Amino acid sequence: MTCLECSKQLDPSEEKASMEVLGVQLCHAHKKRMARLMESHGTPKEAVQLYYGLKEAGVTAMLEWWDGTKSIDIAISRVKLNIEIDTEYHMLTHEQAINDLEEAMHSFRNGFTTIRIPHVLIKYYLKETVNNILGIMEGLRVHIKAIN
């Protein structure tokens, strides 16, 4: 196996360590960099997995992109799509619902669409999730002018 970031050949222990922590194959240097990013931003492991799943599908995405008010888990600027990974499944409070709605409003005002994906979809159905995002991107391309 090779590192998904730099294509360096991974030894079995390096691959195992990366898969246990991140669920993707990264060399020691890129695993360390990703672990720091996850710690500093609270990035869910599933966001990293989705990022690399999209990358494998040929999508240029940005992990932990700053939109001016907050960090977005994954942004695909070509079609103005923000992806947030939901990791908490407690009862939705009215405060959280209002916060989510305000975040969506902020994104729309800036011309972006925000979708929220439950982490379990990525954990168990990564390929299907990537394919659905590709479909969403195609729909957005039809309705907005893509940035070239």
C-alpha atoms as a PDB file:
ATOM      1  CA  MET A   1       0.000   0.000   0.000  1.00  0.00           C
ATOM      2  CA  THR A   2       1.018   3.600  -0.547  1.00  0.00           C
ATOM      3  CA  CYS A   3       0.358   6.897   1.204  1.00  0.00           C
ATOM      4  CA  LEU A   4      -2.738   8.565  -0.237  1.00  0.00           C
ATOM      5  CA  GLU A   5      -1.002  11.932   0.000  1.00  0.00           C
ATOM      6  CA  CYS A   6       2.538  11.376  -1.273  1.00  0.00           C
ATOM      7  CA  SER A   7       2.389   7.849  -2.775  1.00  0.00           C
ATOM      8  CA  LYS A   8       5.262   6.675  -0.527  1.00  0.00           C
ATOM      9  CA  GLN A   9       5.330   2.917  -0.040  1.00  0.00           C
ATOM     10  CA  LEU A  10       4.044   2.061   3.461  1.00  0.00           C
ATOM     11  CA  ASP A  11       5.435  -0.705   5.591  1.00  0.00           C
ATOM     12  CA  PRO A  12       2.802  -2.920   7.274  1.00  0.00           C
ATOM     13  CA  SER A  13       3.198  -1.316  10.730  1.00  0.00           C
ATOM     14  CA  GLU A  14       2.877   2.195   9.272  1.00  0.00           C
ATOM     15  CA  GLU A  15      -0.251   1.200   7.347  1.00  0.00           C
ATOM     16  CA  LYS A  16      -1.797  -0.455  10.404  1.00  0.00           C
ATOM     17  CA  ALA A  17      -1.121   2.563  12.639  1.00  0.00           C
ATOM     18  CA  SER A  18      -2.645   4.944  10.109  1.00  0.00           C
ATOM     19  CA  MET A  19      -5.709   2.767   9.546  1.00  0.00           C
ATOM     20  CA  GLU A  20      -6.316   2.451  13.297  1.00  0.00           C
ATOM     21  CA  VAL A  21      -6.120   6.199  13.930  1.00  0.00           C
ATOM     22  CA  LEU A  22      -7.531   7.672  10.701  1.00  0.00           C
ATOM     23  CA  GLY A  23      -9.109   4.880   8.699  1.00  0.00           C
ATOM     24  CA  VAL A  24      -6.984   5.848   5.663  1.00  0.00           C
ATOM     25  CA  GLN A  25      -3.483   4.933   4.509  1.00  0.00           C
ATOM     26  CA  LEU A  26      -0.993   7.703   5.204  1.00  0.00           C
ATOM     27  CA  CYS A  27       2.748   7.688   5.795  1.00  0.00           C
ATOM     28  CA  HIS A  28       4.049   8.614   9.236  1.00  0.00           C
ATOM     29  CA  ALA A  29       4.636  12.274   8.285  1.00  0.00           C
ATOM     30  CA  HIS A  30       1.168  12.778   6.764  1.00  0.00           C
ATOM     31  CA  LYS A  31      -0.524  10.820   9.570  1.00  0.00           C
ATOM     32  CA  LYS A  32       1.175  13.093  12.095  1.00  0.00           C
ATOM     33  CA  ARG A  33       0.121  16.218  10.164  1.00  0.00           C
ATOM     34  CA  MET A  34      -3.471  14.971   9.898  1.00  0.00           C
ATOM     35  CA  ALA A  35      -3.577  14.084  13.609  1.00  0.00           C
ATOM     36  CA  ARG A  36      -2.473  17.657  14.481  1.00  0.00           C
ATOM     37  CA  LEU A  37      -5.176  19.090  12.202  1.00  0.00           C
ATOM     38  CA  MET A  38      -7.810  16.848  13.772  1.00  0.00           C
ATOM     39  CA  GLU A  39      -6.733  17.842  17.273  1.00  0.00           C
ATOM     40  CA  SER A  40      -6.592  21.581  16.597  1.00  0.00           C
ATOM     41  CA  HIS A  41      -9.930  21.765  14.732  1.00  0.00           C
ATOM     42  CA  GLY A  42     -11.840  18.873  16.249  1.00  0.00           C
ATOM     43  CA  THR A  43     -12.011  17.292  12.803  1.00  0.00           C
ATOM     44  CA  PRO A  44     -13.896  14.000  12.859  1.00  0.00           C
ATOM     45  CA  LYS A  45     -12.089  10.927  11.535  1.00  0.00           C
ATOM     46  CA  GLU A  46     -14.939  10.465   9.054  1.00  0.00           C
ATOM     47  CA  ALA A  47     -14.201  13.890   7.511  1.00  0.00           C
ATOM     48  CA  VAL A  48     -10.667  12.696   6.767  1.00  0.00           C
ATOM     49  CA  GLN A  49     -12.014   9.469   5.277  1.00  0.00           C
ATOM     50  CA  LEU A  50     -14.512  11.366   3.120  1.00  0.00           C
ATOM     51  CA  TYR A  51     -11.844  13.857   2.026  1.00  0.00           C
ATOM     52  CA  TYR A  52      -9.627  11.033   0.748  1.00  0.00           C
ATOM     53  CA  GLY A  53     -12.632   9.221  -0.760  1.00  0.00           C
ATOM     54  CA  LEU A  54     -13.474  12.363  -2.729  1.00  0.00           C
ATOM     55  CA  LYS A  55      -9.823  12.828  -3.668  1.00  0.00           C
ATOM     56  CA  GLU A  56      -9.739   9.264  -5.005  1.00  0.00           C
ATOM     57  CA  ALA A  57     -12.827  10.104  -7.095  1.00  0.00           C
ATOM     58  CA  GLY A  58     -10.969  13.066  -8.621  1.00  0.00           C
ATOM     59  CA  VAL A  59     -12.574  15.820  -6.562  1.00  0.00           C
ATOM     60  CA  THR A  60     -10.422  18.738  -5.446  1.00  0.00           C
ATOM     61  CA  ALA A  61     -11.615  19.448  -1.925  1.00  0.00           C
ATOM     62  CA  MET A  62     -10.281  21.373   1.054  1.00  0.00           C
ATOM     63  CA  LEU A  63     -10.245  19.936   4.549  1.00  0.00           C
ATOM     64  CA  GLU A  64     -11.008  22.393   7.390  1.00  0.00           C
ATOM     65  CA  TRP A  65     -11.569  25.393   5.141  1.00  0.00           C
ATOM     66  CA  TRP A  66     -12.195  28.735   6.892  1.00  0.00           C
ATOM     67  CA  ASP A  67     -15.347  30.378   5.473  1.00  0.00           C
ATOM     68  CA  GLY A  68     -14.914  33.680   7.305  1.00  0.00           C
ATOM     69  CA  THR A  69     -16.847  32.739  10.417  1.00  0.00           C
ATOM     70  CA  LYS A  70     -16.020  29.095  11.080  1.00  0.00           C
ATOM     71  CA  SER A  71     -14.053  26.140   9.849  1.00  0.00           C
ATOM     72  CA  ILE A  72     -15.898  23.882   7.397  1.00  0.00           C
ATOM     73  CA  ASP A  73     -15.105  20.154   7.547  1.00  0.00           C
ATOM     74  CA  ILE A  74     -14.833  19.828   3.753  1.00  0.00           C
ATOM     75  CA  ALA A  75     -15.282  22.509   1.100  1.00  0.00           C
ATOM     76  CA  ILE A  76     -15.515  21.978  -2.637  1.00  0.00           C
ATOM     77  CA  SER A  77     -15.105  25.485  -3.986  1.00  0.00           C
ATOM     78  CA  ARG A  78     -15.595  24.635  -7.689  1.00  0.00           C
ATOM     79  CA  VAL A  79     -19.299  24.054  -7.041  1.00  0.00           C
ATOM     80  CA  LYS A  80     -19.584  26.104  -3.837  1.00  0.00           C
ATOM     81  CA  LEU A  81     -20.394  23.117  -1.651  1.00  0.00           C
ATOM     82  CA  ASN A  82     -19.654  22.907   2.073  1.00  0.00           C
ATOM     83  CA  ILE A  83     -19.865  19.532   3.798  1.00  0.00           C
ATOM     84  CA  GLU A  84     -20.242  19.207   7.551  1.00  0.00           C
ATOM     85  CA  ILE A  85     -19.946  15.842   9.265  1.00  0.00           C
ATOM     86  CA  ASP A  86     -22.432  15.292  12.082  1.00  0.00           C
ATOM     87  CA  THR A  87     -20.946  13.181  14.845  1.00  0.00           C
ATOM     88  CA  GLU A  88     -23.413  13.831  17.658  1.00  0.00           C
ATOM     89  CA  TYR A  89     -26.818  12.181  17.702  1.00  0.00           C
ATOM     90  CA  HIS A  90     -28.332  13.369  20.908  1.00  0.00           C
ATOM     91  CA  MET A  91     -31.735  14.968  20.921  1.00  0.00           C
ATOM     92  CA  LEU A  92     -31.618  18.003  18.653  1.00  0.00           C
ATOM     93  CA  THR A  93     -32.248  21.078  20.768  1.00  0.00           C
ATOM     94  CA  HIS A  94     -33.851  24.227  19.466  1.00  0.00           C
ATOM     95  CA  GLU A  95     -30.553  26.044  20.086  1.00  0.00           C
ATOM     96  CA  GLN A  96     -28.659  23.613  17.842  1.00  0.00           C
ATOM     97  CA  ALA A  97     -31.395  23.789  15.193  1.00  0.00           C
ATOM     98  CA  ILE A  98     -31.195  27.605  15.153  1.00  0.00           C
ATOM     99  CA  ASN A  99     -27.373  27.476  14.990  1.00  0.00           C
ATOM    100  CA  ASP A 100     -27.538  25.051  12.053  1.00  0.00           C
ATOM    101  CA  LEU A 101     -30.057  27.272  10.293  1.00  0.00           C
ATOM    102  CA  GLU A 102     -27.928  30.389  10.859  1.00  0.00           C
ATOM    103  CA  GLU A 103     -24.862  28.587   9.489  1.00  0.00           C
ATOM    104  CA  ALA A 104     -26.835  27.542   6.401  1.00  0.00           C
ATOM    105  CA  MET A 105     -28.022  31.145   5.952  1.00  0.00           C
ATOM    106  CA  HIS A 106     -24.435  32.419   6.168  1.00  0.00           C
ATOM    107  CA  SER A 107     -23.342  29.890   3.541  1.00  0.00           C
ATOM    108  CA  PHE A 108     -26.219  30.763   1.199  1.00  0.00           C
ATOM    109  CA  ARG A 109     -25.471  34.474   1.514  1.00  0.00           C
ATOM    110  CA  ASN A 110     -21.964  33.685   0.299  1.00  0.00           C
ATOM    111  CA  GLY A 111     -23.293  31.542  -2.550  1.00  0.00           C
ATOM    112  CA  PHE A 112     -22.476  28.198  -0.930  1.00  0.00           C
ATOM    113  CA  THR A 113     -24.679  25.188  -0.284  1.00  0.00           C
ATOM    114  CA  THR A 114     -24.063  23.336   2.980  1.00  0.00           C
ATOM    115  CA  ILE A 115     -24.960  19.696   3.475  1.00  0.00           C
ATOM    116  CA  ARG A 116     -24.706  17.776   6.721  1.00  0.00           C
ATOM    117  CA  ILE A 117     -23.759  14.102   6.559  1.00  0.00           C
ATOM    118  CA  PRO A 118     -24.102  11.754   9.530  1.00  0.00           C
ATOM    119  CA  HIS A 119     -20.745  10.166  10.369  1.00  0.00           C
ATOM    120  CA  VAL A 120     -22.236   6.667  10.266  1.00  0.00           C
ATOM    121  CA  LEU A 121     -22.884   7.015   6.529  1.00  0.00           C
ATOM    122  CA  ILE A 122     -19.185   7.585   5.937  1.00  0.00           C
ATOM    123  CA  LYS A 123     -18.168   4.885   8.371  1.00  0.00           C
ATOM    124  CA  TYR A 124     -20.302   2.176   6.748  1.00  0.00           C
ATOM    125  CA  TYR A 125     -21.137   3.505   3.263  1.00  0.00           C
ATOM    126  CA  LEU A 126     -18.173   5.598   2.118  1.00  0.00           C
ATOM    127  CA  LYS A 127     -18.404   4.730  -1.598  1.00  0.00           C
ATOM    128  CA  GLU A 128     -22.155   5.388  -1.717  1.00  0.00           C
ATOM    129  CA  THR A 129     -21.660   8.678   0.132  1.00  0.00           C
ATOM    130  CA  VAL A 130     -18.959   9.762  -2.329  1.00  0.00           C
ATOM    131  CA  ASN A 131     -21.203   8.814  -5.275  1.00  0.00           C
ATOM    132  CA  ASN A 132     -24.082  10.842  -3.831  1.00  0.00           C
ATOM    133  CA  ILE A 133     -21.810  13.855  -3.326  1.00  0.00           C
ATOM    134  CA  LEU A 134     -20.681  13.512  -6.950  1.00  0.00           C
ATOM    135  CA  GLY A 135     -24.368  13.632  -7.929  1.00  0.00           C
ATOM    136  CA  ILE A 136     -24.930  16.711  -5.775  1.00  0.00           C
ATOM    137  CA  MET A 137     -21.907  18.355  -7.402  1.00  0.00           C
ATOM    138  CA  GLU A 138     -23.289  17.603 -10.863  1.00  0.00           C
ATOM    139  CA  GLY A 139     -26.622  19.168  -9.873  1.00  0.00           C
ATOM    140  CA  LEU A 140     -24.863  22.257  -8.530  1.00  0.00           C
ATOM    141  CA  ARG A 141     -22.836  22.594 -11.749  1.00  0.00           C
ATOM    142  CA  VAL A 142     -26.090  22.750 -13.698  1.00  0.00           C
ATOM    143  CA  HIS A 143     -27.534  25.486 -11.469  1.00  0.00           C
ATOM    144  CA  ILE A 144     -24.504  27.659 -10.754  1.00  0.00           C
ATOM    145  CA  LYS A 145     -21.545  28.759 -12.769  1.00  0.00           C
ATOM    146  CA  ALA A 146     -18.606  26.617 -11.705  1.00  0.00           C
ATOM    147  CA  ILE A 147     -15.345  28.402 -10.971  1.00  0.00           C
ATOM    148  CA  ASN A 148     -12.770  27.450 -13.588  1.00  0.00           C
END
